[in-house]
Amino acid sequence: ASVVPRVLNKVYDAIIKDVNKSAIKKYLVQQALREQPPFLSHFVFRKVRALFGGKLQGIITASAPMRPDVMHFFRIALNIP
């Protein structure tokens, strides 16, 4: 998929806003982003993968640099290189 970073930033901000409403969700997302334990991200980010169709293999961004925190989040959440 190709997308401009602004769209990913908005999706990321909405997800983080929802996650921050619950201490448990926040803790699980933090651990999943640290990949501790490695299988945790598979379960924690199920809904994020489903949001993108569940079979996304990569994302190409253009027109602007992407924030490092957003890039890291989507690399882990979507399990893409």
PDB file of N, CA and C in Angstrom:
ATOM      1  N   ALA A   1       0.846  -1.174   0.000  1.00  0.00           N
ATOM      2  CA  ALA A   1       0.000   0.000   0.000  1.00  0.00           C
ATOM      3  C   ALA A   1       0.888   1.233   0.000  1.00  0.00           C
ATOM      4  N   SER A   2       0.424   2.272  -0.636  1.00  0.00           N
ATOM      5  CA  SER A   2       1.149   3.541  -0.585  1.00  0.00           C
ATOM      6  C   SER A   2       0.240   4.576   0.077  1.00  0.00           C
ATOM      7  N   VAL A   3       0.857   5.434   0.855  1.00  0.00           N
ATOM      8  CA  VAL A   3       0.092   6.394   1.644  1.00  0.00           C
ATOM      9  C   VAL A   3       0.999   7.567   2.005  1.00  0.00           C
ATOM     10  N   VAL A   4       0.393   8.717   2.241  1.00  0.00           N
ATOM     11  CA  VAL A   4       1.182   9.856   2.717  1.00  0.00           C
ATOM     12  C   VAL A   4       1.285   9.748   4.240  1.00  0.00           C
ATOM     13  N   PRO A   5       2.397  10.173   4.808  1.00  0.00           N
ATOM     14  CA  PRO A   5       2.593  10.046   6.255  1.00  0.00           C
ATOM     15  C   PRO A   5       1.494  10.700   7.094  1.00  0.00           C
ATOM     16  N   ARG A   6       0.891  11.747   6.574  1.00  0.00           N
ATOM     17  CA  ARG A   6      -0.158  12.439   7.328  1.00  0.00           C
ATOM     18  C   ARG A   6      -1.315  11.495   7.679  1.00  0.00           C
ATOM     19  N   VAL A   7      -1.674  10.623   6.754  1.00  0.00           N
ATOM     20  CA  VAL A   7      -2.753   9.659   7.003  1.00  0.00           C
ATOM     21  C   VAL A   7      -2.341   8.691   8.109  1.00  0.00           C
ATOM     22  N   LEU A   8      -1.123   8.172   8.021  1.00  0.00           N
ATOM     23  CA  LEU A   8      -0.638   7.257   9.060  1.00  0.00           C
ATOM     24  C   LEU A   8      -0.555   7.957  10.415  1.00  0.00           C
ATOM     25  N   ASN A   9      -0.153   9.230  10.414  1.00  0.00           N
ATOM     26  CA  ASN A   9      -0.098   9.989  11.667  1.00  0.00           C
ATOM     27  C   ASN A   9      -1.479  10.089  12.304  1.00  0.00           C
ATOM     28  N   LYS A  10      -2.500  10.345  11.487  1.00  0.00           N
ATOM     29  CA  LYS A  10      -3.863  10.463  12.018  1.00  0.00           C
ATOM     30  C   LYS A  10      -4.364   9.128  12.567  1.00  0.00           C
ATOM     31  N   VAL A  11      -4.087   8.051  11.857  1.00  0.00           N
ATOM     32  CA  VAL A  11      -4.483   6.725  12.331  1.00  0.00           C
ATOM     33  C   VAL A  11      -3.756   6.416  13.635  1.00  0.00           C
ATOM     34  N   TYR A  12      -2.456   6.666  13.660  1.00  0.00           N
ATOM     35  CA  TYR A  12      -1.642   6.431  14.863  1.00  0.00           C
ATOM     36  C   TYR A  12      -2.182   7.236  16.045  1.00  0.00           C
ATOM     37  N   ASP A  13      -2.435   8.522  15.831  1.00  0.00           N
ATOM     38  CA  ASP A  13      -2.927   9.380  16.917  1.00  0.00           C
ATOM     39  C   ASP A  13      -4.264   8.879  17.460  1.00  0.00           C
ATOM     40  N   ALA A  14      -5.151   8.424  16.581  1.00  0.00           N
ATOM     41  CA  ALA A  14      -6.451   7.899  17.016  1.00  0.00           C
ATOM     42  C   ALA A  14      -6.278   6.616  17.829  1.00  0.00           C
ATOM     43  N   ILE A  15      -5.381   5.751  17.381  1.00  0.00           N
ATOM     44  CA  ILE A  15      -5.135   4.498  18.105  1.00  0.00           C
ATOM     45  C   ILE A  15      -4.548   4.788  19.479  1.00  0.00           C
ATOM     46  N   ILE A  16      -3.551   5.657  19.534  1.00  0.00           N
ATOM     47  CA  ILE A  16      -2.900   5.981  20.811  1.00  0.00           C
ATOM     48  C   ILE A  16      -3.878   6.679  21.759  1.00  0.00           C
ATOM     49  N   LYS A  17      -4.736   7.530  21.222  1.00  0.00           N
ATOM     50  CA  LYS A  17      -5.745   8.197  22.058  1.00  0.00           C
ATOM     51  C   LYS A  17      -6.652   7.162  22.721  1.00  0.00           C
ATOM     52  N   ASP A  18      -7.063   6.155  21.951  1.00  0.00           N
ATOM     53  CA  ASP A  18      -7.902   5.089  22.494  1.00  0.00           C
ATOM     54  C   ASP A  18      -7.133   4.244  23.511  1.00  0.00           C
ATOM     55  N   VAL A  19      -5.894   3.922  23.196  1.00  0.00           N
ATOM     56  CA  VAL A  19      -5.061   3.097  24.082  1.00  0.00           C
ATOM     57  C   VAL A  19      -4.838   3.794  25.419  1.00  0.00           C
ATOM     58  N   ASN A  20      -4.637   5.102  25.394  1.00  0.00           N
ATOM     59  CA  ASN A  20      -4.347   5.848  26.621  1.00  0.00           C
ATOM     60  C   ASN A  20      -5.531   5.939  27.575  1.00  0.00           C
ATOM     61  N   LYS A  21      -6.715   5.531  27.138  1.00  0.00           N
ATOM     62  CA  LYS A  21      -7.894   5.543  28.001  1.00  0.00           C
ATOM     63  C   LYS A  21      -7.860   4.415  29.028  1.00  0.00           C
ATOM     64  N   SER A  22      -7.043   3.410  28.790  1.00  0.00           N
ATOM     65  CA  SER A  22      -6.984   2.245  29.673  1.00  0.00           C
ATOM     66  C   SER A  22      -5.533   1.944  30.040  1.00  0.00           C
ATOM     67  N   ALA A  23      -5.273   1.843  31.330  1.00  0.00           N
ATOM     68  CA  ALA A  23      -3.909   1.541  31.790  1.00  0.00           C
ATOM     69  C   ALA A  23      -3.458   0.167  31.308  1.00  0.00           C
ATOM     70  N   ILE A  24      -4.381  -0.780  31.261  1.00  0.00           N
ATOM     71  CA  ILE A  24      -4.031  -2.133  30.810  1.00  0.00           C
ATOM     72  C   ILE A  24      -3.672  -2.123  29.330  1.00  0.00           C
ATOM     73  N   LYS A  25      -4.498  -1.447  28.515  1.00  0.00           N
ATOM     74  CA  LYS A  25      -4.199  -1.358  27.076  1.00  0.00           C
ATOM     75  C   LYS A  25      -2.846  -0.681  26.854  1.00  0.00           C
ATOM     76  N   LYS A  26      -2.623   0.405  27.596  1.00  0.00           N
ATOM     77  CA  LYS A  26      -1.371   1.150  27.450  1.00  0.00           C
ATOM     78  C   LYS A  26      -0.172   0.262  27.773  1.00  0.00           C
ATOM     79  N   TYR A  27      -0.269  -0.488  28.859  1.00  0.00           N
ATOM     80  CA  TYR A  27       0.818  -1.388  29.249  1.00  0.00           C
ATOM     81  C   TYR A  27       1.053  -2.455  28.178  1.00  0.00           C
ATOM     82  N   LEU A  28      -0.020  -3.073  27.695  1.00  0.00           N
ATOM     83  CA  LEU A  28       0.119  -4.125  26.680  1.00  0.00           C
ATOM     84  C   LEU A  28       0.728  -3.590  25.387  1.00  0.00           C
ATOM     85  N   VAL A  29       0.305  -2.408  24.969  1.00  0.00           N
ATOM     86  CA  VAL A  29       0.867  -1.815  23.746  1.00  0.00           C
ATOM     87  C   VAL A  29       2.343  -1.496  23.948  1.00  0.00           C
ATOM     88  N   GLN A  30       2.698  -0.936  25.098  1.00  0.00           N
ATOM     89  CA  GLN A  30       4.111  -0.639  25.368  1.00  0.00           C
ATOM     90  C   GLN A  30       4.953  -1.906  25.319  1.00  0.00           C
ATOM     91  N   GLN A  31       4.470  -2.975  25.926  1.00  0.00           N
ATOM     92  CA  GLN A  31       5.217  -4.232  25.913  1.00  0.00           C
ATOM     93  C   GLN A  31       5.297  -4.807  24.503  1.00  0.00           C
ATOM     94  N   ALA A  32       4.213  -4.726  23.768  1.00  0.00           N
ATOM     95  CA  ALA A  32       4.208  -5.249  22.399  1.00  0.00           C
ATOM     96  C   ALA A  32       5.176  -4.468  21.518  1.00  0.00           C
ATOM     97  N   LEU A  33       5.260  -3.154  21.718  1.00  0.00           N
ATOM     98  CA  LEU A  33       6.187  -2.343  20.921  1.00  0.00           C
ATOM     99  C   LEU A  33       7.642  -2.625  21.288  1.00  0.00           C
ATOM    100  N   ARG A  34       7.864  -3.112  22.502  1.00  0.00           N
ATOM    101  CA  ARG A  34       9.216  -3.529  22.896  1.00  0.00           C
ATOM    102  C   ARG A  34       9.486  -4.957  22.456  1.00  0.00           C
ATOM    103  N   GLU A  35       8.441  -5.595  21.916  1.00  0.00           N
ATOM    104  CA  GLU A  35       8.504  -6.986  21.469  1.00  0.00           C
ATOM    105  C   GLU A  35       8.870  -7.919  22.620  1.00  0.00           C
ATOM    106  N   GLN A  36       8.270  -7.662  23.776  1.00  0.00           N
ATOM    107  CA  GLN A  36       8.497  -8.478  24.967  1.00  0.00           C
ATOM    108  C   GLN A  36       7.181  -9.002  25.497  1.00  0.00           C
ATOM    109  N   PRO A  37       6.836 -10.194  25.452  1.00  0.00           N
ATOM    110  CA  PRO A  37       7.443 -11.275  24.680  1.00  0.00           C
ATOM    111  C   PRO A  37       7.098 -11.142  23.198  1.00  0.00           C
ATOM    112  N   PRO A  38       7.861 -11.776  22.336  1.00  0.00           N
ATOM    113  CA  PRO A  38       7.715 -11.582  20.887  1.00  0.00           C
ATOM    114  C   PRO A  38       6.318 -11.853  20.330  1.00  0.00           C
ATOM    115  N   PHE A  39       5.600 -12.813  20.864  1.00  0.00           N
ATOM    116  CA  PHE A  39       4.282 -13.153  20.324  1.00  0.00           C
ATOM    117  C   PHE A  39       3.197 -12.160  20.739  1.00  0.00           C
ATOM    118  N   LEU A  40       3.475 -11.306  21.709  1.00  0.00           N
ATOM    119  CA  LEU A  40       2.464 -10.397  22.237  1.00  0.00           C
ATOM    120  C   LEU A  40       1.921  -9.454  21.173  1.00  0.00           C
ATOM    121  N   SER A  41       2.780  -8.943  20.307  1.00  0.00           N
ATOM    122  CA  SER A  41       2.322  -7.988  19.290  1.00  0.00           C
ATOM    123  C   SER A  41       1.282  -8.610  18.361  1.00  0.00           C
ATOM    124  N   HIS A  42       1.388  -9.910  18.129  1.00  0.00           N
ATOM    125  CA  HIS A  42       0.414 -10.583  17.266  1.00  0.00           C
ATOM    126  C   HIS A  42      -1.003 -10.436  17.829  1.00  0.00           C
ATOM    127  N   PHE A  43      -1.149 -10.570  19.136  1.00  0.00           N
ATOM    128  CA  PHE A  43      -2.464 -10.484  19.764  1.00  0.00           C
ATOM    129  C   PHE A  43      -2.898  -9.047  20.021  1.00  0.00           C
ATOM    130  N   VAL A  44      -1.967  -8.215  20.452  1.00  0.00           N
ATOM    131  CA  VAL A  44      -2.303  -6.839  20.813  1.00  0.00           C
ATOM    132  C   VAL A  44      -2.745  -6.030  19.595  1.00  0.00           C
ATOM    133  N   PHE A  45      -2.121  -6.256  18.455  1.00  0.00           N
ATOM    134  CA  PHE A  45      -2.392  -5.433  17.278  1.00  0.00           C
ATOM    135  C   PHE A  45      -3.304  -6.098  16.250  1.00  0.00           C
ATOM    136  N   ARG A  46      -4.092  -7.074  16.673  1.00  0.00           N
ATOM    137  CA  ARG A  46      -5.040  -7.749  15.770  1.00  0.00           C
ATOM    138  C   ARG A  46      -5.964  -6.767  15.072  1.00  0.00           C
ATOM    139  N   LYS A  47      -6.544  -5.837  15.832  1.00  0.00           N
ATOM    140  CA  LYS A  47      -7.501  -4.879  15.268  1.00  0.00           C
ATOM    141  C   LYS A  47      -6.822  -3.915  14.301  1.00  0.00           C
ATOM    142  N   VAL A  48      -5.584  -3.546  14.588  1.00  0.00           N
ATOM    143  CA  VAL A  48      -4.854  -2.648  13.686  1.00  0.00           C
ATOM    144  C   VAL A  48      -4.611  -3.348  12.354  1.00  0.00           C
ATOM    145  N   ARG A  49      -4.184  -4.608  12.402  1.00  0.00           N
ATOM    146  CA  ARG A  49      -3.974  -5.360  11.155  1.00  0.00           C
ATOM    147  C   ARG A  49      -5.284  -5.509  10.392  1.00  0.00           C
ATOM    148  N   ALA A  50      -6.375  -5.762  11.101  1.00  0.00           N
ATOM    149  CA  ALA A  50      -7.687  -5.899  10.454  1.00  0.00           C
ATOM    150  C   ALA A  50      -8.108  -4.585   9.798  1.00  0.00           C
ATOM    151  N   LEU A  51      -7.766  -3.469  10.414  1.00  0.00           N
ATOM    152  CA  LEU A  51      -8.083  -2.155   9.862  1.00  0.00           C
ATOM    153  C   LEU A  51      -7.454  -1.962   8.484  1.00  0.00           C
ATOM    154  N   PHE A  52      -6.292  -2.567   8.283  1.00  0.00           N
ATOM    155  CA  PHE A  52      -5.585  -2.464   7.010  1.00  0.00           C
ATOM    156  C   PHE A  52      -5.809  -3.686   6.120  1.00  0.00           C
ATOM    157  N   GLY A  53      -6.793  -4.496   6.439  1.00  0.00           N
ATOM    158  CA  GLY A  53      -7.135  -5.625   5.590  1.00  0.00           C
ATOM    159  C   GLY A  53      -6.553  -6.952   6.026  1.00  0.00           C
ATOM    160  N   GLY A  54      -5.636  -6.948   6.974  1.00  0.00           N
ATOM    161  CA  GLY A  54      -5.100  -8.180   7.525  1.00  0.00           C
ATOM    162  C   GLY A  54      -4.007  -8.853   6.726  1.00  0.00           C
ATOM    163  N   LYS A  55      -3.770  -8.431   5.501  1.00  0.00           N
ATOM    164  CA  LYS A  55      -2.774  -9.114   4.669  1.00  0.00           C
ATOM    165  C   LYS A  55      -1.726  -8.154   4.103  1.00  0.00           C
ATOM    166  N   LEU A  56      -1.592  -7.020   4.725  1.00  0.00           N
ATOM    167  CA  LEU A  56      -0.647  -6.015   4.255  1.00  0.00           C
ATOM    168  C   LEU A  56       0.781  -6.520   4.404  1.00  0.00           C
ATOM    169  N   GLN A  57       1.574  -6.382   3.357  1.00  0.00           N
ATOM    170  CA  GLN A  57       2.957  -6.859   3.390  1.00  0.00           C
ATOM    171  C   GLN A  57       3.968  -5.727   3.403  1.00  0.00           C
ATOM    172  N   GLY A  58       3.519  -4.514   3.174  1.00  0.00           N
ATOM    173  CA  GLY A  58       4.428  -3.385   3.182  1.00  0.00           C
ATOM    174  C   GLY A  58       3.682  -2.082   2.986  1.00  0.00           C
ATOM    175  N   ILE A  59       4.334  -0.987   3.340  1.00  0.00           N
ATOM    176  CA  ILE A  59       3.773   0.349   3.150  1.00  0.00           C
ATOM    177  C   ILE A  59       4.850   1.213   2.520  1.00  0.00           C
ATOM    178  N   ILE A  60       4.465   1.945   1.504  1.00  0.00           N
ATOM    179  CA  ILE A  60       5.358   2.912   0.872  1.00  0.00           C
ATOM    180  C   ILE A  60       4.795   4.292   1.173  1.00  0.00           C
ATOM    181  N   THR A  61       5.640   5.167   1.713  1.00  0.00           N
ATOM    182  CA  THR A  61       5.198   6.530   1.987  1.00  0.00           C
ATOM    183  C   THR A  61       5.931   7.485   1.066  1.00  0.00           C
ATOM    184  N   ALA A  62       5.276   8.601   0.787  1.00  0.00           N
ATOM    185  CA  ALA A  62       5.864   9.598  -0.105  1.00  0.00           C
ATOM    186  C   ALA A  62       5.400  10.983   0.319  1.00  0.00           C
ATOM    187  N   SER A  63       6.077  11.974  -0.167  1.00  0.00           N
ATOM    188  CA  SER A  63       5.759  13.394  -0.054  1.00  0.00           C
ATOM    189  C   SER A  63       6.265  14.066   1.215  1.00  0.00           C
ATOM    190  N   ALA A  64       6.580  13.310   2.248  1.00  0.00           N
ATOM    191  CA  ALA A  64       7.065  13.915   3.491  1.00  0.00           C
ATOM    192  C   ALA A  64       7.747  12.843   4.336  1.00  0.00           C
ATOM    193  N   PRO A  65       8.647  13.255   5.222  1.00  0.00           N
ATOM    194  CA  PRO A  65       9.263  12.271   6.114  1.00  0.00           C
ATOM    195  C   PRO A  65       8.236  11.749   7.119  1.00  0.00           C
ATOM    196  N   MET A  66       8.463  10.548   7.566  1.00  0.00           N
ATOM    197  CA  MET A  66       7.560   9.922   8.525  1.00  0.00           C
ATOM    198  C   MET A  66       8.180   9.987   9.913  1.00  0.00           C
ATOM    199  N   ARG A  67       7.368  10.295  10.915  1.00  0.00           N
ATOM    200  CA  ARG A  67       7.872  10.354  12.290  1.00  0.00           C
ATOM    201  C   ARG A  67       8.388   8.984  12.699  1.00  0.00           C
ATOM    202  N   PRO A  68       9.540   8.925  13.362  1.00  0.00           N
ATOM    203  CA  PRO A  68      10.116   7.635  13.768  1.00  0.00           C
ATOM    204  C   PRO A  68       9.203   6.811  14.674  1.00  0.00           C
ATOM    205  N   ASP A  69       8.488   7.467  15.599  1.00  0.00           N
ATOM    206  CA  ASP A  69       7.603   6.718  16.494  1.00  0.00           C
ATOM    207  C   ASP A  69       6.442   6.082  15.739  1.00  0.00           C
ATOM    208  N   VAL A  70       5.930   6.781  14.737  1.00  0.00           N
ATOM    209  CA  VAL A  70       4.835   6.248  13.918  1.00  0.00           C
ATOM    210  C   VAL A  70       5.343   5.088  13.065  1.00  0.00           C
ATOM    211  N   MET A  71       6.530   5.250  12.496  1.00  0.00           N
ATOM    212  CA  MET A  71       7.107   4.186  11.676  1.00  0.00           C
ATOM    213  C   MET A  71       7.328   2.923  12.517  1.00  0.00           C
ATOM    214  N   HIS A  72       7.888   3.090  13.705  1.00  0.00           N
ATOM    215  CA  HIS A  72       8.133   1.939  14.582  1.00  0.00           C
ATOM    216  C   HIS A  72       6.810   1.251  14.946  1.00  0.00           C
ATOM    217  N   PHE A  73       5.810   2.049  15.286  1.00  0.00           N
ATOM    218  CA  PHE A  73       4.511   1.495  15.657  1.00  0.00           C
ATOM    219  C   PHE A  73       3.941   0.628  14.538  1.00  0.00           C
ATOM    220  N   PHE A  74       3.908   1.145  13.316  1.00  0.00           N
ATOM    221  CA  PHE A  74       3.306   0.390  12.219  1.00  0.00           C
ATOM    222  C   PHE A  74       4.160  -0.800  11.796  1.00  0.00           C
ATOM    223  N   ARG A  75       5.465  -0.696  11.927  1.00  0.00           N
ATOM    224  CA  ARG A  75       6.315  -1.856  11.613  1.00  0.00           C
ATOM    225  C   ARG A  75       5.992  -3.019  12.544  1.00  0.00           C
ATOM    226  N   ILE A  76       5.811  -2.730  13.816  1.00  0.00           N
ATOM    227  CA  ILE A  76       5.495  -3.782  14.782  1.00  0.00           C
ATOM    228  C   ILE A  76       4.026  -4.200  14.660  1.00  0.00           C
ATOM    229  N   ALA A  77       3.130  -3.220  14.634  1.00  0.00           N
ATOM    230  CA  ALA A  77       1.694  -3.516  14.628  1.00  0.00           C
ATOM    231  C   ALA A  77       1.264  -4.301  13.391  1.00  0.00           C
ATOM    232  N   LEU A  78       1.841  -3.962  12.239  1.00  0.00           N
ATOM    233  CA  LEU A  78       1.442  -4.621  10.998  1.00  0.00           C
ATOM    234  C   LEU A  78       2.378  -5.754  10.609  1.00  0.00           C
ATOM    235  N   ASN A  79       3.423  -5.938  11.406  1.00  0.00           N
ATOM    236  CA  ASN A  79       4.397  -7.004  11.154  1.00  0.00           C
ATOM    237  C   ASN A  79       4.981  -6.910   9.742  1.00  0.00           C
ATOM    238  N   ILE A  80       5.475  -5.707   9.432  1.00  0.00           N
ATOM    239  CA  ILE A  80       6.089  -5.480   8.121  1.00  0.00           C
ATOM    240  C   ILE A  80       7.523  -5.005   8.312  1.00  0.00           C
ATOM    241  N   PRO A  81       8.381  -5.281   7.345  1.00  0.00           N
ATOM    242  CA  PRO A  81       9.790  -4.852   7.467  1.00  0.00           C
ATOM    243  C   PRO A  81       9.959  -3.345   7.366  1.00  0.00           C
TER     244      PRO A  81
END
